[in-house]
């Protein structure tokens, strides 16, 4: 089973939004490199808040293939 195009687009949207947020919040002149580990850590925190406070599902927030 594979993710649909729409699901992949959602993953890209979430990860790119987090990366853009990091760049926006950066107060230094140092460039922030794309680091999926950092993005993933931040995504988990945001995801937990959205799922627990707003009530969307994990799949709605960041689609994945269930094994």
C-alpha atoms as a PDB file:
ATOM      1  CA  UNK A   1       0.000   0.000   0.000  1.00  0.00           C
ATOM      2  CA  UNK A   2       1.200   3.517  -0.795  1.00  0.00           C
ATOM      3  CA  UNK A   3       0.202   6.996   0.248  1.00  0.00           C
ATOM      4  CA  UNK A   4      -2.065   8.822  -2.166  1.00  0.00           C
ATOM      5  CA  UNK A   5      -0.917  11.980  -3.905  1.00  0.00           C
ATOM      6  CA  UNK A   6      -3.196  13.998  -1.605  1.00  0.00           C
ATOM      7  CA  UNK A   7      -1.652  12.358   1.482  1.00  0.00           C
ATOM      8  CA  UNK A   8       1.882  13.059   0.268  1.00  0.00           C
ATOM      9  CA  UNK A   9       0.903  16.666  -0.436  1.00  0.00           C
ATOM     10  CA  UNK A  10      -0.415  16.939   3.134  1.00  0.00           C
ATOM     11  CA  UNK A  11       2.855  15.563   4.550  1.00  0.00           C
ATOM     12  CA  UNK A  12       4.827  18.023   2.418  1.00  0.00           C
ATOM     13  CA  UNK A  13       2.570  20.891   3.514  1.00  0.00           C
ATOM     14  CA  UNK A  14       3.038  20.098   7.213  1.00  0.00           C
ATOM     15  CA  UNK A  15       6.817  19.627   6.979  1.00  0.00           C
ATOM     16  CA  UNK A  16       7.302  22.712   4.799  1.00  0.00           C
ATOM     17  CA  UNK A  17       5.125  24.796   7.140  1.00  0.00           C
ATOM     18  CA  UNK A  18       7.228  23.764  10.127  1.00  0.00           C
ATOM     19  CA  UNK A  19      10.438  24.566   8.252  1.00  0.00           C
ATOM     20  CA  UNK A  20       9.052  27.978   7.266  1.00  0.00           C
ATOM     21  CA  UNK A  21       8.112  28.620  10.899  1.00  0.00           C
ATOM     22  CA  UNK A  22      11.663  27.802  12.002  1.00  0.00           C
ATOM     23  CA  UNK A  23      13.027  30.241   9.446  1.00  0.00           C
ATOM     24  CA  UNK A  24      10.568  32.935  10.495  1.00  0.00           C
ATOM     25  CA  UNK A  25      11.402  32.551  14.175  1.00  0.00           C
ATOM     26  CA  UNK A  26      15.171  32.526  13.597  1.00  0.00           C
ATOM     27  CA  UNK A  27      16.574  35.787  14.967  1.00  0.00           C
ATOM     28  CA  UNK A  28      20.131  35.157  13.785  1.00  0.00           C
ATOM     29  CA  UNK A  29      21.838  35.518  10.431  1.00  0.00           C
ATOM     30  CA  UNK A  30      22.644  31.805  10.497  1.00  0.00           C
ATOM     31  CA  UNK A  31      20.840  29.807   7.831  1.00  0.00           C
ATOM     32  CA  UNK A  32      18.734  26.898   9.014  1.00  0.00           C
ATOM     33  CA  UNK A  33      19.286  23.741   6.981  1.00  0.00           C
ATOM     34  CA  UNK A  34      16.456  21.341   6.241  1.00  0.00           C
ATOM     35  CA  UNK A  35      16.663  18.722   8.997  1.00  0.00           C
ATOM     36  CA  UNK A  36      13.821  16.214   8.980  1.00  0.00           C
ATOM     37  CA  UNK A  37      14.760  15.039  12.484  1.00  0.00           C
ATOM     38  CA  UNK A  38      14.180  18.515  13.938  1.00  0.00           C
ATOM     39  CA  UNK A  39      11.079  18.982  11.792  1.00  0.00           C
ATOM     40  CA  UNK A  40       9.784  15.584  12.938  1.00  0.00           C
ATOM     41  CA  UNK A  41      10.321  16.441  16.601  1.00  0.00           C
ATOM     42  CA  UNK A  42       8.420  19.699  16.229  1.00  0.00           C
ATOM     43  CA  UNK A  43       5.729  17.950  14.171  1.00  0.00           C
ATOM     44  CA  UNK A  44       5.120  15.465  16.991  1.00  0.00           C
ATOM     45  CA  UNK A  45       4.558  18.260  19.521  1.00  0.00           C
ATOM     46  CA  UNK A  46       2.230  20.175  17.211  1.00  0.00           C
ATOM     47  CA  UNK A  47       0.417  16.980  16.232  1.00  0.00           C
ATOM     48  CA  UNK A  48      -0.191  16.024  19.857  1.00  0.00           C
ATOM     49  CA  UNK A  49      -1.681  19.425  20.622  1.00  0.00           C
ATOM     50  CA  UNK A  50      -3.895  19.450  17.548  1.00  0.00           C
ATOM     51  CA  UNK A  51      -5.137  15.905  18.123  1.00  0.00           C
ATOM     52  CA  UNK A  52      -5.735  16.375  21.848  1.00  0.00           C
ATOM     53  CA  UNK A  53      -7.050  19.960  21.829  1.00  0.00           C
ATOM     54  CA  UNK A  54      -8.820  20.226  18.482  1.00  0.00           C
ATOM     55  CA  UNK A  55      -9.780  16.632  17.890  1.00  0.00           C
ATOM     56  CA  UNK A  56      -8.524  15.764  14.427  1.00  0.00           C
ATOM     57  CA  UNK A  57      -7.059  12.319  13.825  1.00  0.00           C
ATOM     58  CA  UNK A  58      -3.406  11.466  13.291  1.00  0.00           C
ATOM     59  CA  UNK A  59      -4.223  10.480   9.712  1.00  0.00           C
ATOM     60  CA  UNK A  60      -5.881  13.838   9.047  1.00  0.00           C
ATOM     61  CA  UNK A  61      -2.960  15.783  10.460  1.00  0.00           C
ATOM     62  CA  UNK A  62      -0.092  13.755   8.979  1.00  0.00           C
ATOM     63  CA  UNK A  63      -1.123  10.747   6.885  1.00  0.00           C
ATOM     64  CA  UNK A  64       0.877   7.542   7.126  1.00  0.00           C
ATOM     65  CA  UNK A  65       0.640   3.920   6.093  1.00  0.00           C
ATOM     66  CA  UNK A  66      -0.623   1.670   8.845  1.00  0.00           C
ATOM     67  CA  UNK A  67       1.278  -1.587   9.085  1.00  0.00           C
END
